[in-house]
């Protein structure tokens, strides 16, 4: 049983929202994802999708995209991104996939998901932009959301299986373009997390990504937005 990750699928089977504004490589990107996914992922594997899953505005609009994901091999753990406006409460999301028979989908939201075969706890939260960005406003509302997301990360990590290894997932990068430590990276380091995967950055903005460790840190960070990965799920752990 292997664990994969791929973020920012930006599916739009029920809405007209092309992604090629970020580059020609986004043309027919859902087909690229499907083909590579079927080549790499087996039914017994798990794939984490850390946000920006669908451009849908409502759960009804998101259903074709969720059905697309459900048909792909493996178990899928979905997280919320900044563009997932269709996202409801955790209870409503679970009720939706149960009602529609989307049995391969679960949600990471104020919880932790334990993968017994690997003794790994999947933890994380959406995150938010971080303070300290030169020339960028960081409002009181930004600070409120940022602090809340740090608490949600602590909540998720606190629900990890005792004695398990924690792998962390975020939608937003947990640092600014200057790669400065902050409350979220401190939470990651304090809990001894060695790997953290994040998305959100596309096209030219990927130059602000970090694939490695922060100065003085022990956690290794990796950008896993779909275009960064060539629209192929990234293997985290192989059994």
C-alpha atoms as a PDB file:
ATOM      1  CA  UNK A   1       0.000   0.000   0.000  1.00  0.00           C
ATOM      2  CA  UNK A   2       1.610   3.230  -1.205  1.00  0.00           C
ATOM      3  CA  UNK A   3       0.785   6.850  -0.364  1.00  0.00           C
ATOM      4  CA  UNK A   4       0.683   9.529  -3.070  1.00  0.00           C
ATOM      5  CA  UNK A   5      -0.131  13.235  -3.175  1.00  0.00           C
ATOM      6  CA  UNK A   6      -1.268  15.649  -5.875  1.00  0.00           C
ATOM      7  CA  UNK A   7      -2.860  19.023  -5.236  1.00  0.00           C
ATOM      8  CA  UNK A   8      -4.767  21.662  -7.153  1.00  0.00           C
ATOM      9  CA  UNK A   9      -6.638  19.459  -9.617  1.00  0.00           C
ATOM     10  CA  UNK A  10      -8.915  22.406 -10.480  1.00  0.00           C
ATOM     11  CA  UNK A  11     -11.496  20.158 -12.088  1.00  0.00           C
ATOM     12  CA  UNK A  12     -14.397  21.817 -13.879  1.00  0.00           C
ATOM     13  CA  UNK A  13     -16.605  19.193 -15.467  1.00  0.00           C
ATOM     14  CA  UNK A  14     -19.782  21.109 -14.624  1.00  0.00           C
ATOM     15  CA  UNK A  15     -18.486  24.679 -15.002  1.00  0.00           C
ATOM     16  CA  UNK A  16     -16.576  26.512 -17.725  1.00  0.00           C
ATOM     17  CA  UNK A  17     -13.272  27.388 -16.091  1.00  0.00           C
ATOM     18  CA  UNK A  18     -10.238  26.681 -18.302  1.00  0.00           C
ATOM     19  CA  UNK A  19      -6.850  26.580 -16.591  1.00  0.00           C
ATOM     20  CA  UNK A  20      -4.643  27.309 -19.603  1.00  0.00           C
ATOM     21  CA  UNK A  21      -4.282  30.907 -18.386  1.00  0.00           C
ATOM     22  CA  UNK A  22      -1.467  29.367 -16.313  1.00  0.00           C
ATOM     23  CA  UNK A  23       0.163  27.851 -19.401  1.00  0.00           C
ATOM     24  CA  UNK A  24      -0.468  25.585 -22.358  1.00  0.00           C
ATOM     25  CA  UNK A  25       0.498  22.604 -20.213  1.00  0.00           C
ATOM     26  CA  UNK A  26      -2.922  22.935 -18.534  1.00  0.00           C
ATOM     27  CA  UNK A  27      -4.798  22.049 -21.712  1.00  0.00           C
ATOM     28  CA  UNK A  28      -6.776  18.817 -21.171  1.00  0.00           C
ATOM     29  CA  UNK A  29      -5.159  18.545 -17.774  1.00  0.00           C
ATOM     30  CA  UNK A  30      -7.926  16.324 -16.390  1.00  0.00           C
ATOM     31  CA  UNK A  31      -7.103  13.726 -19.052  1.00  0.00           C
ATOM     32  CA  UNK A  32      -3.404  13.948 -18.150  1.00  0.00           C
ATOM     33  CA  UNK A  33      -4.237  13.442 -14.477  1.00  0.00           C
ATOM     34  CA  UNK A  34      -6.473  10.462 -15.207  1.00  0.00           C
ATOM     35  CA  UNK A  35      -3.941   8.717 -17.440  1.00  0.00           C
ATOM     36  CA  UNK A  36      -0.973   9.164 -15.109  1.00  0.00           C
ATOM     37  CA  UNK A  37      -3.072   8.292 -12.037  1.00  0.00           C
ATOM     38  CA  UNK A  38      -4.146   4.979 -13.582  1.00  0.00           C
ATOM     39  CA  UNK A  39      -0.543   4.169 -14.469  1.00  0.00           C
ATOM     40  CA  UNK A  40       0.832   4.868 -10.985  1.00  0.00           C
ATOM     41  CA  UNK A  41      -1.889   4.238  -8.397  1.00  0.00           C
ATOM     42  CA  UNK A  42      -3.345   0.852  -7.437  1.00  0.00           C
ATOM     43  CA  UNK A  43      -6.627   0.127  -5.665  1.00  0.00           C
ATOM     44  CA  UNK A  44      -4.925  -0.451  -2.328  1.00  0.00           C
ATOM     45  CA  UNK A  45      -3.075   2.869  -2.390  1.00  0.00           C
ATOM     46  CA  UNK A  46      -4.017   6.224  -0.833  1.00  0.00           C
ATOM     47  CA  UNK A  47      -3.852   9.612  -2.575  1.00  0.00           C
ATOM     48  CA  UNK A  48      -4.025  12.899  -0.649  1.00  0.00           C
ATOM     49  CA  UNK A  49      -5.442  15.903  -2.561  1.00  0.00           C
ATOM     50  CA  UNK A  50      -4.587  19.039  -0.532  1.00  0.00           C
ATOM     51  CA  UNK A  51      -7.097  21.516  -1.865  1.00  0.00           C
ATOM     52  CA  UNK A  52      -8.404  23.365  -4.923  1.00  0.00           C
ATOM     53  CA  UNK A  53     -10.176  20.246  -6.082  1.00  0.00           C
ATOM     54  CA  UNK A  54     -13.046  21.742  -8.091  1.00  0.00           C
ATOM     55  CA  UNK A  55     -14.058  25.121  -9.504  1.00  0.00           C
ATOM     56  CA  UNK A  56     -17.687  24.354  -8.599  1.00  0.00           C
ATOM     57  CA  UNK A  57     -19.597  26.862  -6.501  1.00  0.00           C
ATOM     58  CA  UNK A  58     -22.039  24.355  -5.010  1.00  0.00           C
ATOM     59  CA  UNK A  59     -21.956  20.722  -3.935  1.00  0.00           C
ATOM     60  CA  UNK A  60     -24.282  19.876  -6.810  1.00  0.00           C
ATOM     61  CA  UNK A  61     -21.873  21.418  -9.313  1.00  0.00           C
ATOM     62  CA  UNK A  62     -18.948  19.622  -7.671  1.00  0.00           C
ATOM     63  CA  UNK A  63     -20.569  16.207  -7.939  1.00  0.00           C
ATOM     64  CA  UNK A  64     -19.256  15.357 -11.465  1.00  0.00           C
ATOM     65  CA  UNK A  65     -15.737  16.229 -10.301  1.00  0.00           C
ATOM     66  CA  UNK A  66     -16.109  14.116  -7.157  1.00  0.00           C
ATOM     67  CA  UNK A  67     -17.440  11.245  -9.261  1.00  0.00           C
ATOM     68  CA  UNK A  68     -14.404  11.611 -11.542  1.00  0.00           C
ATOM     69  CA  UNK A  69     -12.098  11.343  -8.526  1.00  0.00           C
ATOM     70  CA  UNK A  70     -14.047   8.437  -7.074  1.00  0.00           C
ATOM     71  CA  UNK A  71     -13.626   6.419 -10.300  1.00  0.00           C
ATOM     72  CA  UNK A  72      -9.840   6.667 -10.122  1.00  0.00           C
ATOM     73  CA  UNK A  73      -7.905   3.871  -8.380  1.00  0.00           C
ATOM     74  CA  UNK A  74      -7.174   4.005  -4.666  1.00  0.00           C
ATOM     75  CA  UNK A  75      -8.550   5.746  -1.609  1.00  0.00           C
ATOM     76  CA  UNK A  76      -8.623   9.548  -1.728  1.00  0.00           C
ATOM     77  CA  UNK A  77      -8.267  12.019   1.133  1.00  0.00           C
ATOM     78  CA  UNK A  78      -9.605  15.462   0.171  1.00  0.00           C
ATOM     79  CA  UNK A  79      -8.702  18.782   1.779  1.00  0.00           C
ATOM     80  CA  UNK A  80     -10.083  22.278   1.336  1.00  0.00           C
ATOM     81  CA  UNK A  81      -8.356  24.900  -0.815  1.00  0.00           C
ATOM     82  CA  UNK A  82      -9.044  28.591  -1.212  1.00  0.00           C
ATOM     83  CA  UNK A  83     -11.068  27.962  -4.401  1.00  0.00           C
ATOM     84  CA  UNK A  84     -13.198  25.107  -3.055  1.00  0.00           C
ATOM     85  CA  UNK A  85     -16.343  27.212  -2.666  1.00  0.00           C
ATOM     86  CA  UNK A  86     -18.481  24.059  -2.943  1.00  0.00           C
ATOM     87  CA  UNK A  87     -16.999  22.737   0.317  1.00  0.00           C
ATOM     88  CA  UNK A  88     -19.584  22.325   3.078  1.00  0.00           C
ATOM     89  CA  UNK A  89     -19.264  21.285   6.692  1.00  0.00           C
ATOM     90  CA  UNK A  90     -17.416  18.047   7.370  1.00  0.00           C
ATOM     91  CA  UNK A  91     -20.710  16.344   8.237  1.00  0.00           C
ATOM     92  CA  UNK A  92     -22.383  17.510   5.009  1.00  0.00           C
ATOM     93  CA  UNK A  93     -19.403  16.463   2.917  1.00  0.00           C
ATOM     94  CA  UNK A  94     -19.447  12.991   4.452  1.00  0.00           C
ATOM     95  CA  UNK A  95     -23.204  12.752   3.961  1.00  0.00           C
ATOM     96  CA  UNK A  96     -22.837  13.756   0.292  1.00  0.00           C
ATOM     97  CA  UNK A  97     -20.279  11.086  -0.600  1.00  0.00           C
ATOM     98  CA  UNK A  98     -22.192   8.471   1.392  1.00  0.00           C
ATOM     99  CA  UNK A  99     -25.472   9.332  -0.332  1.00  0.00           C
ATOM    100  CA  UNK A 100     -23.878   9.251  -3.792  1.00  0.00           C
ATOM    101  CA  UNK A 101     -21.896   6.076  -3.139  1.00  0.00           C
ATOM    102  CA  UNK A 102     -18.504   7.756  -3.506  1.00  0.00           C
ATOM    103  CA  UNK A 103     -16.945   5.194  -1.222  1.00  0.00           C
ATOM    104  CA  UNK A 104     -13.289   5.895  -2.026  1.00  0.00           C
ATOM    105  CA  UNK A 105     -13.425   9.516  -0.779  1.00  0.00           C
ATOM    106  CA  UNK A 106     -12.846  10.816   2.745  1.00  0.00           C
ATOM    107  CA  UNK A 107     -12.125  14.305   4.084  1.00  0.00           C
ATOM    108  CA  UNK A 108      -9.310  15.769   6.167  1.00  0.00           C
ATOM    109  CA  UNK A 109     -10.843  18.665   8.079  1.00  0.00           C
ATOM    110  CA  UNK A 110     -10.207  19.224  11.801  1.00  0.00           C
ATOM    111  CA  UNK A 111      -9.251  15.572  12.082  1.00  0.00           C
ATOM    112  CA  UNK A 112      -6.485  13.091  11.362  1.00  0.00           C
ATOM    113  CA  UNK A 113      -6.687   9.967   9.207  1.00  0.00           C
ATOM    114  CA  UNK A 114      -4.683   6.947  10.314  1.00  0.00           C
ATOM    115  CA  UNK A 115      -3.283   4.536   7.732  1.00  0.00           C
ATOM    116  CA  UNK A 116      -2.745   1.378   9.734  1.00  0.00           C
ATOM    117  CA  UNK A 117      -0.731  -0.522   7.125  1.00  0.00           C
ATOM    118  CA  UNK A 118       1.984   2.143   7.209  1.00  0.00           C
ATOM    119  CA  UNK A 119       1.472   3.367  10.790  1.00  0.00           C
ATOM    120  CA  UNK A 120       1.125   6.882   9.388  1.00  0.00           C
ATOM    121  CA  UNK A 121      -1.237   9.640  10.476  1.00  0.00           C
ATOM    122  CA  UNK A 122      -2.302  12.055   7.743  1.00  0.00           C
ATOM    123  CA  UNK A 123      -2.682  15.525   9.298  1.00  0.00           C
ATOM    124  CA  UNK A 124      -3.130  19.040   8.033  1.00  0.00           C
ATOM    125  CA  UNK A 125      -5.298  22.051   7.303  1.00  0.00           C
ATOM    126  CA  UNK A 126      -5.877  24.597   4.547  1.00  0.00           C
ATOM    127  CA  UNK A 127      -3.507  27.223   5.929  1.00  0.00           C
ATOM    128  CA  UNK A 128      -3.394  30.873   4.889  1.00  0.00           C
ATOM    129  CA  UNK A 129      -0.927  33.441   3.634  1.00  0.00           C
ATOM    130  CA  UNK A 130       1.786  34.162   6.170  1.00  0.00           C
ATOM    131  CA  UNK A 131       2.816  37.509   7.674  1.00  0.00           C
ATOM    132  CA  UNK A 132       6.025  39.300   6.820  1.00  0.00           C
ATOM    133  CA  UNK A 133       5.653  39.458   3.034  1.00  0.00           C
ATOM    134  CA  UNK A 134       7.378  42.589   1.734  1.00  0.00           C
ATOM    135  CA  UNK A 135       4.947  45.005   0.129  1.00  0.00           C
ATOM    136  CA  UNK A 136       1.889  42.853   0.785  1.00  0.00           C
ATOM    137  CA  UNK A 137      -0.879  43.825   3.154  1.00  0.00           C
ATOM    138  CA  UNK A 138      -1.574  41.503   6.067  1.00  0.00           C
ATOM    139  CA  UNK A 139      -4.866  42.688   7.512  1.00  0.00           C
ATOM    140  CA  UNK A 140      -6.494  41.988  10.855  1.00  0.00           C
ATOM    141  CA  UNK A 141      -8.768  39.533   9.046  1.00  0.00           C
ATOM    142  CA  UNK A 142      -5.721  37.794   7.544  1.00  0.00           C
ATOM    143  CA  UNK A 143      -4.194  37.480  10.991  1.00  0.00           C
ATOM    144  CA  UNK A 144      -7.427  36.050  12.391  1.00  0.00           C
ATOM    145  CA  UNK A 145      -7.591  33.377   9.689  1.00  0.00           C
ATOM    146  CA  UNK A 146      -3.854  32.650   9.937  1.00  0.00           C
ATOM    147  CA  UNK A 147      -4.074  32.109  13.710  1.00  0.00           C
ATOM    148  CA  UNK A 148      -7.194  29.964  13.295  1.00  0.00           C
ATOM    149  CA  UNK A 149      -5.491  27.766  10.707  1.00  0.00           C
ATOM    150  CA  UNK A 150      -2.523  27.258  13.021  1.00  0.00           C
ATOM    151  CA  UNK A 151      -4.911  26.094  15.739  1.00  0.00           C
ATOM    152  CA  UNK A 152      -6.601  23.754  13.254  1.00  0.00           C
ATOM    153  CA  UNK A 153      -3.221  22.276  12.408  1.00  0.00           C
ATOM    154  CA  UNK A 154      -2.553  21.712  16.111  1.00  0.00           C
ATOM    155  CA  UNK A 155      -5.992  20.109  16.429  1.00  0.00           C
ATOM    156  CA  UNK A 156      -5.297  17.764  13.529  1.00  0.00           C
ATOM    157  CA  UNK A 157      -1.863  16.790  14.825  1.00  0.00           C
ATOM    158  CA  UNK A 158      -3.342  16.292  18.287  1.00  0.00           C
ATOM    159  CA  UNK A 159      -5.675  13.667  16.842  1.00  0.00           C
ATOM    160  CA  UNK A 160      -2.858  11.651  15.275  1.00  0.00           C
ATOM    161  CA  UNK A 161      -2.559   8.032  16.333  1.00  0.00           C
ATOM    162  CA  UNK A 162      -0.174   7.750  19.267  1.00  0.00           C
ATOM    163  CA  UNK A 163       3.135   6.287  18.165  1.00  0.00           C
ATOM    164  CA  UNK A 164       2.459   6.854  14.467  1.00  0.00           C
ATOM    165  CA  UNK A 165       4.536   8.887  12.046  1.00  0.00           C
ATOM    166  CA  UNK A 166       2.867  12.149  11.040  1.00  0.00           C
ATOM    167  CA  UNK A 167       2.851  13.467   7.489  1.00  0.00           C
ATOM    168  CA  UNK A 168       1.564  17.024   7.154  1.00  0.00           C
ATOM    169  CA  UNK A 169      -0.441  18.499   4.274  1.00  0.00           C
ATOM    170  CA  UNK A 170      -1.431  22.121   3.676  1.00  0.00           C
ATOM    171  CA  UNK A 171      -3.005  23.935   0.774  1.00  0.00           C
ATOM    172  CA  UNK A 172      -1.174  27.226   1.229  1.00  0.00           C
ATOM    173  CA  UNK A 173       2.629  27.340   1.474  1.00  0.00           C
ATOM    174  CA  UNK A 174       3.469  27.513   5.197  1.00  0.00           C
ATOM    175  CA  UNK A 175       5.887  30.415   4.635  1.00  0.00           C
ATOM    176  CA  UNK A 176       6.174  33.637   2.648  1.00  0.00           C
ATOM    177  CA  UNK A 177       8.421  34.304  -0.340  1.00  0.00           C
ATOM    178  CA  UNK A 178      11.282  35.052   2.038  1.00  0.00           C
ATOM    179  CA  UNK A 179      10.950  31.553   3.528  1.00  0.00           C
ATOM    180  CA  UNK A 180      10.769  32.903   7.071  1.00  0.00           C
ATOM    181  CA  UNK A 181       9.764  30.694   9.990  1.00  0.00           C
ATOM    182  CA  UNK A 182       6.377  31.476  11.529  1.00  0.00           C
ATOM    183  CA  UNK A 183       3.753  30.005  13.838  1.00  0.00           C
ATOM    184  CA  UNK A 184       2.748  27.272  11.381  1.00  0.00           C
ATOM    185  CA  UNK A 185       6.297  26.106  10.690  1.00  0.00           C
ATOM    186  CA  UNK A 186       6.961  26.244  14.436  1.00  0.00           C
ATOM    187  CA  UNK A 187       3.973  23.954  15.017  1.00  0.00           C
ATOM    188  CA  UNK A 188       5.350  21.564  12.389  1.00  0.00           C
ATOM    189  CA  UNK A 189       8.827  21.550  13.937  1.00  0.00           C
ATOM    190  CA  UNK A 190       7.553  21.244  17.509  1.00  0.00           C
ATOM    191  CA  UNK A 191       5.755  18.017  16.631  1.00  0.00           C
ATOM    192  CA  UNK A 192       8.759  16.482  14.918  1.00  0.00           C
ATOM    193  CA  UNK A 193       7.083  16.339  11.507  1.00  0.00           C
ATOM    194  CA  UNK A 194       9.652  15.433   8.865  1.00  0.00           C
ATOM    195  CA  UNK A 195       7.609  15.909   5.678  1.00  0.00           C
ATOM    196  CA  UNK A 196       5.103  18.591   4.690  1.00  0.00           C
ATOM    197  CA  UNK A 197       3.407  18.883   1.304  1.00  0.00           C
ATOM    198  CA  UNK A 198       1.618  21.993   0.027  1.00  0.00           C
ATOM    199  CA  UNK A 199       0.048  23.399  -3.149  1.00  0.00           C
ATOM    200  CA  UNK A 200      -1.583  26.669  -4.251  1.00  0.00           C
ATOM    201  CA  UNK A 201       1.268  27.939  -6.452  1.00  0.00           C
ATOM    202  CA  UNK A 202       0.950  27.713 -10.247  1.00  0.00           C
ATOM    203  CA  UNK A 203       2.776  28.942 -13.317  1.00  0.00           C
ATOM    204  CA  UNK A 204       5.307  31.733 -12.613  1.00  0.00           C
ATOM    205  CA  UNK A 205       4.362  31.847  -8.904  1.00  0.00           C
ATOM    206  CA  UNK A 206       6.045  28.480  -8.463  1.00  0.00           C
ATOM    207  CA  UNK A 207       9.328  30.372  -8.238  1.00  0.00           C
ATOM    208  CA  UNK A 208       8.261  31.248  -4.692  1.00  0.00           C
ATOM    209  CA  UNK A 209       8.145  27.579  -3.702  1.00  0.00           C
ATOM    210  CA  UNK A 210      10.509  25.777  -1.374  1.00  0.00           C
ATOM    211  CA  UNK A 211      11.444  22.184  -2.005  1.00  0.00           C
ATOM    212  CA  UNK A 212      13.653  21.432   0.943  1.00  0.00           C
ATOM    213  CA  UNK A 213      14.169  22.578   4.516  1.00  0.00           C
ATOM    214  CA  UNK A 214      13.938  26.004   6.100  1.00  0.00           C
ATOM    215  CA  UNK A 215      17.201  27.284   7.592  1.00  0.00           C
ATOM    216  CA  UNK A 216      17.695  25.494  10.899  1.00  0.00           C
ATOM    217  CA  UNK A 217      14.608  23.318  10.384  1.00  0.00           C
ATOM    218  CA  UNK A 218      14.210  19.560  10.177  1.00  0.00           C
ATOM    219  CA  UNK A 219      11.023  19.290   8.126  1.00  0.00           C
ATOM    220  CA  UNK A 220      11.312  18.841   4.371  1.00  0.00           C
ATOM    221  CA  UNK A 221       8.751  20.811   2.343  1.00  0.00           C
ATOM    222  CA  UNK A 222       7.579  20.066  -1.192  1.00  0.00           C
ATOM    223  CA  UNK A 223       5.253  21.838  -3.617  1.00  0.00           C
ATOM    224  CA  UNK A 224       2.741  19.338  -5.038  1.00  0.00           C
ATOM    225  CA  UNK A 225       0.388  21.432  -7.187  1.00  0.00           C
ATOM    226  CA  UNK A 226      -0.625  19.455 -10.269  1.00  0.00           C
ATOM    227  CA  UNK A 227       1.407  21.468 -12.779  1.00  0.00           C
ATOM    228  CA  UNK A 228       4.486  21.315 -10.550  1.00  0.00           C
ATOM    229  CA  UNK A 229       4.226  17.505 -10.660  1.00  0.00           C
ATOM    230  CA  UNK A 230       3.542  17.292 -14.382  1.00  0.00           C
ATOM    231  CA  UNK A 231      -0.028  16.221 -13.511  1.00  0.00           C
ATOM    232  CA  UNK A 232       1.255  12.958 -12.006  1.00  0.00           C
ATOM    233  CA  UNK A 233       0.608  11.841  -8.403  1.00  0.00           C
ATOM    234  CA  UNK A 234       3.803  12.021  -6.348  1.00  0.00           C
ATOM    235  CA  UNK A 235       4.848   8.909  -4.448  1.00  0.00           C
ATOM    236  CA  UNK A 236       5.435   9.707  -0.762  1.00  0.00           C
ATOM    237  CA  UNK A 237       5.792   6.227   0.655  1.00  0.00           C
ATOM    238  CA  UNK A 238       5.964   2.858  -1.037  1.00  0.00           C
ATOM    239  CA  UNK A 239       5.162  -0.411   0.678  1.00  0.00           C
END
